[in-house]
PDB file of N, CA and C in Angstrom:
ATOM      1  N   MET A   1       2.088   1.191  11.293  1.00  0.00           N
ATOM      2  CA  MET A   1       1.800   0.737   9.966  1.00  0.00           C
ATOM      3  C   MET A   1       1.567   2.017   9.048  1.00  0.00           C
ATOM      4  N   LEU A   2       2.133   2.023   7.819  1.00  0.00           N
ATOM      5  CA  LEU A   2       1.955   3.045   6.825  1.00  0.00           C
ATOM      6  C   LEU A   2       0.713   2.764   6.050  1.00  0.00           C
ATOM      7  N   ILE A   3      -0.221   3.756   6.051  1.00  0.00           N
ATOM      8  CA  ILE A   3      -1.372   3.466   5.310  1.00  0.00           C
ATOM      9  C   ILE A   3      -1.378   4.385   4.051  1.00  0.00           C
ATOM     10  N   TYR A   4      -1.701   3.743   2.892  1.00  0.00           N
ATOM     11  CA  TYR A   4      -1.728   4.385   1.564  1.00  0.00           C
ATOM     12  C   TYR A   4      -3.104   4.186   0.988  1.00  0.00           C
ATOM     13  N   ASN A   5      -3.481   5.369   0.264  1.00  0.00           N
ATOM     14  CA  ASN A   5      -4.666   5.324  -0.579  1.00  0.00           C
ATOM     15  C   ASN A   5      -4.114   4.981  -1.996  1.00  0.00           C
ATOM     16  N   VAL A   6      -4.399   3.705  -2.428  1.00  0.00           N
ATOM     17  CA  VAL A   6      -3.798   3.274  -3.711  1.00  0.00           C
ATOM     18  C   VAL A   6      -4.927   3.246  -4.707  1.00  0.00           C
ATOM     19  N   PHE A   7      -5.112   4.392  -5.450  1.00  0.00           N
ATOM     20  CA  PHE A   7      -6.161   4.492  -6.383  1.00  0.00           C
ATOM     21  C   PHE A   7      -7.486   4.192  -5.878  1.00  0.00           C
ATOM     22  N   GLY A   8      -7.836   4.634  -4.625  1.00  0.00           N
ATOM     23  CA  GLY A   8      -9.098   4.414  -3.919  1.00  0.00           C
ATOM     24  C   GLY A   8      -9.214   3.202  -3.122  1.00  0.00           C
ATOM     25  N   ARG A   9      -8.132   2.388  -3.091  1.00  0.00           N
ATOM     26  CA  ARG A   9      -8.067   1.185  -2.123  1.00  0.00           C
ATOM     27  C   ARG A   9      -7.028   1.466  -1.053  1.00  0.00           C
ATOM     28  N   TYR A  10      -7.369   1.191   0.087  1.00  0.00           N
ATOM     29  CA  TYR A  10      -6.460   1.391   1.209  1.00  0.00           C
ATOM     30  C   TYR A  10      -5.650   0.196   1.524  1.00  0.00           C
ATOM     31  N   LEU A  11      -4.255   0.404   1.520  1.00  0.00           N
ATOM     32  CA  LEU A  11      -3.378  -0.694   1.839  1.00  0.00           C
ATOM     33  C   LEU A  11      -2.417  -0.256   2.937  1.00  0.00           C
ATOM     34  N   GLY A  12      -2.121  -1.164   3.796  1.00  0.00           N
ATOM     35  CA  GLY A  12      -1.078  -0.926   4.910  1.00  0.00           C
ATOM     36  C   GLY A  12       0.187  -1.551   4.590  1.00  0.00           C
ATOM     37  N   VAL A  13       1.223  -0.979   4.898  1.00  0.00           N
ATOM     38  CA  VAL A  13       2.578  -1.567   4.697  1.00  0.00           C
ATOM     39  C   VAL A  13       3.278  -1.454   5.927  1.00  0.00           C
ATOM     40  N   LYS A  14       3.871  -2.568   6.369  1.00  0.00           N
ATOM     41  CA  LYS A  14       4.537  -2.631   7.690  1.00  0.00           C
ATOM     42  C   LYS A  14       5.888  -3.385   7.566  1.00  0.00           C
ATOM     43  N   ARG A  15       6.871  -2.766   8.132  1.00  0.00           N
ATOM     44  CA  ARG A  15       8.269  -3.417   8.138  1.00  0.00           C
ATOM     45  C   ARG A  15       8.358  -4.383   9.228  1.00  0.00           C
ATOM     46  N   VAL A  16       8.615  -5.576   9.034  1.00  0.00           N
ATOM     47  CA  VAL A  16       8.765  -6.727   9.991  1.00  0.00           C
ATOM     48  C   VAL A  16      10.128  -7.249   9.713  1.00  0.00           C
ATOM     49  N   ALA A  17      11.024  -7.087  10.712  1.00  0.00           N
ATOM     50  CA  ALA A  17      12.411  -7.547  10.565  1.00  0.00           C
ATOM     51  C   ALA A  17      13.044  -6.923   9.357  1.00  0.00           C
ATOM     52  N   GLU A  18      13.368  -7.631   8.321  1.00  0.00           N
ATOM     53  CA  GLU A  18      14.085  -7.127   7.056  1.00  0.00           C
ATOM     54  C   GLU A  18      13.035  -7.175   5.910  1.00  0.00           C
ATOM     55  N   SER A  19      11.727  -7.381   6.161  1.00  0.00           N
ATOM     56  CA  SER A  19      10.763  -7.556   5.076  1.00  0.00           C
ATOM     57  C   SER A  19       9.618  -6.498   5.208  1.00  0.00           C
ATOM     58  N   TRP A  20       9.054  -6.225   4.142  1.00  0.00           N
ATOM     59  CA  TRP A  20       7.769  -5.411   4.022  1.00  0.00           C
ATOM     60  C   TRP A  20       6.638  -6.415   3.979  1.00  0.00           C
ATOM     61  N   GLN A  21       5.537  -6.149   4.741  1.00  0.00           N
ATOM     62  CA  GLN A  21       4.423  -6.870   4.643  1.00  0.00           C
ATOM     63  C   GLN A  21       3.252  -6.018   4.302  1.00  0.00           C
ATOM     64  N   VAL A  22       2.238  -6.452   3.508  1.00  0.00           N
ATOM     65  CA  VAL A  22       1.163  -5.603   2.921  1.00  0.00           C
ATOM     66  C   VAL A  22      -0.171  -6.169   3.491  1.00  0.00           C
ATOM     67  N   PHE A  23      -1.030  -5.185   3.823  1.00  0.00           N
ATOM     68  CA  PHE A  23      -2.299  -5.510   4.346  1.00  0.00           C
ATOM     69  C   PHE A  23      -3.458  -4.671   3.658  1.00  0.00           C
ATOM     70  N   ARG A  24      -4.688  -5.381   3.588  1.00  0.00           N
ATOM     71  CA  ARG A  24      -5.830  -4.698   3.275  1.00  0.00           C
ATOM     72  C   ARG A  24      -6.368  -3.999   4.441  1.00  0.00           C
ATOM     73  N   VAL A  25      -6.715  -2.645   4.384  1.00  0.00           N
ATOM     74  CA  VAL A  25      -7.089  -1.883   5.511  1.00  0.00           C
ATOM     75  C   VAL A  25      -8.571  -1.414   5.300  1.00  0.00           C
ATOM     76  N   ASP A  26      -9.354  -1.637   6.329  1.00  0.00           N
ATOM     77  CA  ASP A  26     -10.655  -1.110   6.451  1.00  0.00           C
ATOM     78  C   ASP A  26     -10.626   0.052   7.434  1.00  0.00           C
ATOM     79  N   ARG A  27     -10.566   1.229   6.910  1.00  0.00           N
ATOM     80  CA  ARG A  27     -10.521   2.396   7.832  1.00  0.00           C
ATOM     81  C   ARG A  27     -11.708   2.683   8.664  1.00  0.00           C
ATOM     82  N   ASN A  28     -12.881   2.279   8.147  1.00  0.00           N
ATOM     83  CA  ASN A  28     -14.166   2.490   8.975  1.00  0.00           C
ATOM     84  C   ASN A  28     -14.178   1.649  10.209  1.00  0.00           C
ATOM     85  N   GLU A  29     -13.666   0.371  10.102  1.00  0.00           N
ATOM     86  CA  GLU A  29     -13.739  -0.540  11.195  1.00  0.00           C
ATOM     87  C   GLU A  29     -12.466  -0.672  11.885  1.00  0.00           C
ATOM     88  N   GLY A  30     -11.366   0.011  11.362  1.00  0.00           N
ATOM     89  CA  GLY A  30     -10.073  -0.117  11.956  1.00  0.00           C
ATOM     90  C   GLY A  30      -9.458  -1.604  11.939  1.00  0.00           C
ATOM     91  N   LYS A  31      -9.859  -2.341  10.958  1.00  0.00           N
ATOM     92  CA  LYS A  31      -9.262  -3.743  10.835  1.00  0.00           C
ATOM     93  C   LYS A  31      -8.455  -3.808   9.620  1.00  0.00           C
ATOM     94  N   HIS A  32      -7.550  -4.813   9.588  1.00  0.00           N
ATOM     95  CA  HIS A  32      -6.681  -5.118   8.501  1.00  0.00           C
ATOM     96  C   HIS A  32      -6.466  -6.589   8.360  1.00  0.00           C
ATOM     97  N   SER A  33      -6.128  -7.014   7.159  1.00  0.00           N
ATOM     98  CA  SER A  33      -5.710  -8.406   6.981  1.00  0.00           C
ATOM     99  C   SER A  33      -4.640  -8.495   5.973  1.00  0.00           C
ATOM    100  N   ARG A  34      -3.802  -9.533   6.251  1.00  0.00           N
ATOM    101  CA  ARG A  34      -2.578  -9.615   5.415  1.00  0.00           C
ATOM    102  C   ARG A  34      -2.810 -10.057   4.046  1.00  0.00           C
ATOM    103  N   LEU A  35      -2.127  -9.457   3.176  1.00  0.00           N
ATOM    104  CA  LEU A  35      -2.182  -9.792   1.615  1.00  0.00           C
ATOM    105  C   LEU A  35      -0.954 -10.381   1.346  1.00  0.00           C
ATOM    106  N   TYR A  36      -0.958 -11.673   0.960  1.00  0.00           N
ATOM    107  CA  TYR A  36       0.293 -12.452   0.637  1.00  0.00           C
ATOM    108  C   TYR A  36       0.710 -12.352  -0.779  1.00  0.00           C
ATOM    109  N   ASN A  37      -0.216 -11.929  -1.630  1.00  0.00           N
ATOM    110  CA  ASN A  37       0.079 -12.003  -3.079  1.00  0.00           C
ATOM    111  C   ASN A  37       0.693 -10.564  -3.564  1.00  0.00           C
ATOM    112  N   ILE A  38       0.829  -9.710  -2.690  1.00  0.00           N
ATOM    113  CA  ILE A  38       1.514  -8.382  -3.083  1.00  0.00           C
ATOM    114  C   ILE A  38       2.869  -8.367  -2.433  1.00  0.00           C
ATOM    115  N   ILE A  39       3.909  -8.305  -3.183  1.00  0.00           N
ATOM    116  CA  ILE A  39       5.201  -8.363  -2.712  1.00  0.00           C
ATOM    117  C   ILE A  39       5.915  -6.921  -2.879  1.00  0.00           C
ATOM    118  N   ILE A  40       6.488  -6.481  -1.808  1.00  0.00           N
ATOM    119  CA  ILE A  40       7.426  -5.216  -1.943  1.00  0.00           C
ATOM    120  C   ILE A  40       8.790  -5.669  -1.679  1.00  0.00           C
ATOM    121  N   PRO A  41       9.726  -5.420  -2.521  1.00  0.00           N
ATOM    122  CA  PRO A  41      11.092  -5.791  -2.312  1.00  0.00           C
ATOM    123  C   PRO A  41      11.646  -5.389  -1.043  1.00  0.00           C
ATOM    124  N   ASP A  42      12.378  -6.144  -0.358  1.00  0.00           N
ATOM    125  CA  ASP A  42      12.943  -5.765   0.916  1.00  0.00           C
ATOM    126  C   ASP A  42      13.916  -4.564   0.915  1.00  0.00           C
ATOM    127  N   GLU A  43      14.528  -4.431  -0.207  1.00  0.00           N
ATOM    128  CA  GLU A  43      15.469  -3.319  -0.297  1.00  0.00           C
ATOM    129  C   GLU A  43      14.911  -1.916  -0.565  1.00  0.00           C
ATOM    130  N   LEU A  44      13.511  -1.894  -0.945  1.00  0.00           N
ATOM    131  CA  LEU A  44      12.937  -0.622  -1.077  1.00  0.00           C
ATOM    132  C   LEU A  44      12.843   0.232   0.218  1.00  0.00           C
ATOM    133  N   SER A  45      13.084   1.439   0.003  1.00  0.00           N
ATOM    134  CA  SER A  45      12.943   2.348   1.222  1.00  0.00           C
ATOM    135  C   SER A  45      11.522   2.828   1.402  1.00  0.00           C
ATOM    136  N   GLU A  46      11.207   3.370   2.512  1.00  0.00           N
ATOM    137  CA  GLU A  46       9.813   3.860   2.737  1.00  0.00           C
ATOM    138  C   GLU A  46       9.421   4.884   1.703  1.00  0.00           C
ATOM    139  N   ALA A  47      10.312   5.719   1.255  1.00  0.00           N
ATOM    140  CA  ALA A  47      10.086   6.702   0.218  1.00  0.00           C
ATOM    141  C   ALA A  47       9.745   6.207  -1.136  1.00  0.00           C
ATOM    142  N   GLU A  48      10.200   4.983  -1.392  1.00  0.00           N
ATOM    143  CA  GLU A  48       9.987   4.290  -2.687  1.00  0.00           C
ATOM    144  C   GLU A  48       8.654   3.540  -2.788  1.00  0.00           C
ATOM    145  N   ILE A  49       7.968   3.267  -1.664  1.00  0.00           N
ATOM    146  CA  ILE A  49       6.830   2.411  -1.630  1.00  0.00           C
ATOM    147  C   ILE A  49       5.701   2.997  -2.502  1.00  0.00           C
ATOM    148  N   PRO A  50       5.360   4.330  -2.367  1.00  0.00           N
ATOM    149  CA  PRO A  50       4.265   4.817  -3.218  1.00  0.00           C
ATOM    150  C   PRO A  50       4.422   4.554  -4.686  1.00  0.00           C
ATOM    151  N   GLY A  51       5.689   4.777  -5.134  1.00  0.00           N
ATOM    152  CA  GLY A  51       5.958   4.580  -6.598  1.00  0.00           C
ATOM    153  C   GLY A  51       5.843   3.113  -7.032  1.00  0.00           C
ATOM    154  N   TRP A  52       6.285   2.191  -6.077  1.00  0.00           N
ATOM    155  CA  TRP A  52       6.143   0.783  -6.360  1.00  0.00           C
ATOM    156  C   TRP A  52       4.691   0.351  -6.417  1.00  0.00           C
ATOM    157  N   LEU A  53       3.913   0.798  -5.423  1.00  0.00           N
ATOM    158  CA  LEU A  53       2.431   0.450  -5.437  1.00  0.00           C
ATOM    159  C   LEU A  53       1.848   1.002  -6.687  1.00  0.00           C
ATOM    160  N   GLY A  54       2.110   2.274  -7.070  1.00  0.00           N
ATOM    161  CA  GLY A  54       1.617   2.834  -8.358  1.00  0.00           C
ATOM    162  C   GLY A  54       1.887   2.049  -9.487  1.00  0.00           C
ATOM    163  N   ASP A  55       3.132   1.509  -9.552  1.00  0.00           N
ATOM    164  CA  ASP A  55       3.524   0.627 -10.723  1.00  0.00           C
ATOM    165  C   ASP A  55       2.741  -0.619 -10.801  1.00  0.00           C
ATOM    166  N   ILE A  56       2.423  -1.170  -9.610  1.00  0.00           N
ATOM    167  CA  ILE A  56       1.648  -2.448  -9.585  1.00  0.00           C
ATOM    168  C   ILE A  56       0.204  -2.295  -9.860  1.00  0.00           C
ATOM    169  N   PHE A  57      -0.379  -1.241  -9.387  1.00  0.00           N
ATOM    170  CA  PHE A  57      -1.772  -0.973  -9.441  1.00  0.00           C
ATOM    171  C   PHE A  57      -2.187   0.096 -10.528  1.00  0.00           C
ATOM    172  N   HIS A  58      -1.364   0.517 -11.343  1.00  0.00           N
ATOM    173  CA  HIS A  58      -1.620   1.642 -12.217  1.00  0.00           C
ATOM    174  C   HIS A  58      -2.882   1.478 -13.025  1.00  0.00           C
ATOM    175  N   GLU A  59      -3.350   0.255 -13.330  1.00  0.00           N
ATOM    176  CA  GLU A  59      -4.576   0.039 -14.094  1.00  0.00           C
ATOM    177  C   GLU A  59      -5.799   0.450 -13.347  1.00  0.00           C
ATOM    178  N   ALA A  60      -5.622   0.557 -12.094  1.00  0.00           N
ATOM    179  CA  ALA A  60      -6.928   0.957 -11.163  1.00  0.00           C
ATOM    180  C   ALA A  60      -7.043   2.522 -11.092  1.00  0.00           C
ATOM    181  N   ALA A  61      -6.020   3.320 -11.684  1.00  0.00           N
ATOM    182  CA  ALA A  61      -6.161   4.682 -11.613  1.00  0.00           C
ATOM    183  C   ALA A  61      -7.329   5.133 -12.332  1.00  0.00           C
ATOM    184  N   SER A  62      -7.995   6.249 -11.822  1.00  0.00           N
ATOM    185  CA  SER A  62      -9.192   6.824 -12.433  1.00  0.00           C
ATOM    186  C   SER A  62      -9.176   8.388 -12.217  1.00  0.00           C
ATOM    187  N   GLU A  63     -10.118   9.063 -12.833  1.00  0.00           N
ATOM    188  CA  GLU A  63     -10.099  10.471 -12.628  1.00  0.00           C
ATOM    189  C   GLU A  63     -10.444  10.805 -11.111  1.00  0.00           C
ATOM    190  N   GLN A  64     -11.179  10.001 -10.452  1.00  0.00           N
ATOM    191  CA  GLN A  64     -11.472  10.221  -8.940  1.00  0.00           C
ATOM    192  C   GLN A  64     -10.321   9.943  -8.216  1.00  0.00           C
ATOM    193  N   HIS A  65      -9.561   8.842  -8.527  1.00  0.00           N
ATOM    194  CA  HIS A  65      -8.365   8.336  -7.762  1.00  0.00           C
ATOM    195  C   HIS A  65      -7.152   8.233  -8.686  1.00  0.00           C
ATOM    196  N   PRO A  66      -6.562   9.427  -9.004  1.00  0.00           N
ATOM    197  CA  PRO A  66      -5.349   9.305  -9.942  1.00  0.00           C
ATOM    198  C   PRO A  66      -4.039   9.009  -9.326  1.00  0.00           C
ATOM    199  N   ASP A  67      -3.936   8.945  -8.048  1.00  0.00           N
ATOM    200  CA  ASP A  67      -2.633   8.768  -7.426  1.00  0.00           C
ATOM    201  C   ASP A  67      -2.476   7.808  -6.306  1.00  0.00           C
ATOM    202  N   VAL A  68      -1.195   7.584  -5.787  1.00  0.00           N
ATOM    203  CA  VAL A  68      -0.957   6.764  -4.649  1.00  0.00           C
ATOM    204  C   VAL A  68      -0.490   7.867  -3.594  1.00  0.00           C
ATOM    205  N   THR A  69      -1.317   7.858  -2.468  1.00  0.00           N
ATOM    206  CA  THR A  69      -0.923   8.861  -1.422  1.00  0.00           C
ATOM    207  C   THR A  69      -0.911   8.258  -0.065  1.00  0.00           C
ATOM    208  N   ARG A  70       0.062   8.705   0.825  1.00  0.00           N
ATOM    209  CA  ARG A  70       0.023   8.190   2.087  1.00  0.00           C
ATOM    210  C   ARG A  70      -0.903   9.008   2.954  1.00  0.00           C
ATOM    211  N   VAL A  71      -1.822   8.235   3.685  1.00  0.00           N
ATOM    212  CA  VAL A  71      -2.818   8.870   4.572  1.00  0.00           C
ATOM    213  C   VAL A  71      -2.568   8.753   5.975  1.00  0.00           C
ATOM    214  N   GLU A  72      -1.670   7.886   6.384  1.00  0.00           N
ATOM    215  CA  GLU A  72      -1.280   7.708   7.847  1.00  0.00           C
ATOM    216  C   GLU A  72       0.085   7.218   7.904  1.00  0.00           C
TER     217      GLU A  72
END
């Protein structure tokens, strides 16, 4: 699973068959749960995911958390 810090919120992205699945990630407890309301287009490459997440969640950007970065 790819783990991203999305403006201070940890999201996991996993490729399953031909689709991307998105998860809420709790890094302290090592747990994750599926988020069904966040859609990543199937045709996006792994390199395009941070930009897509940034576009979706840009309103959550702050001085403390200005970017989307891959952490794992």
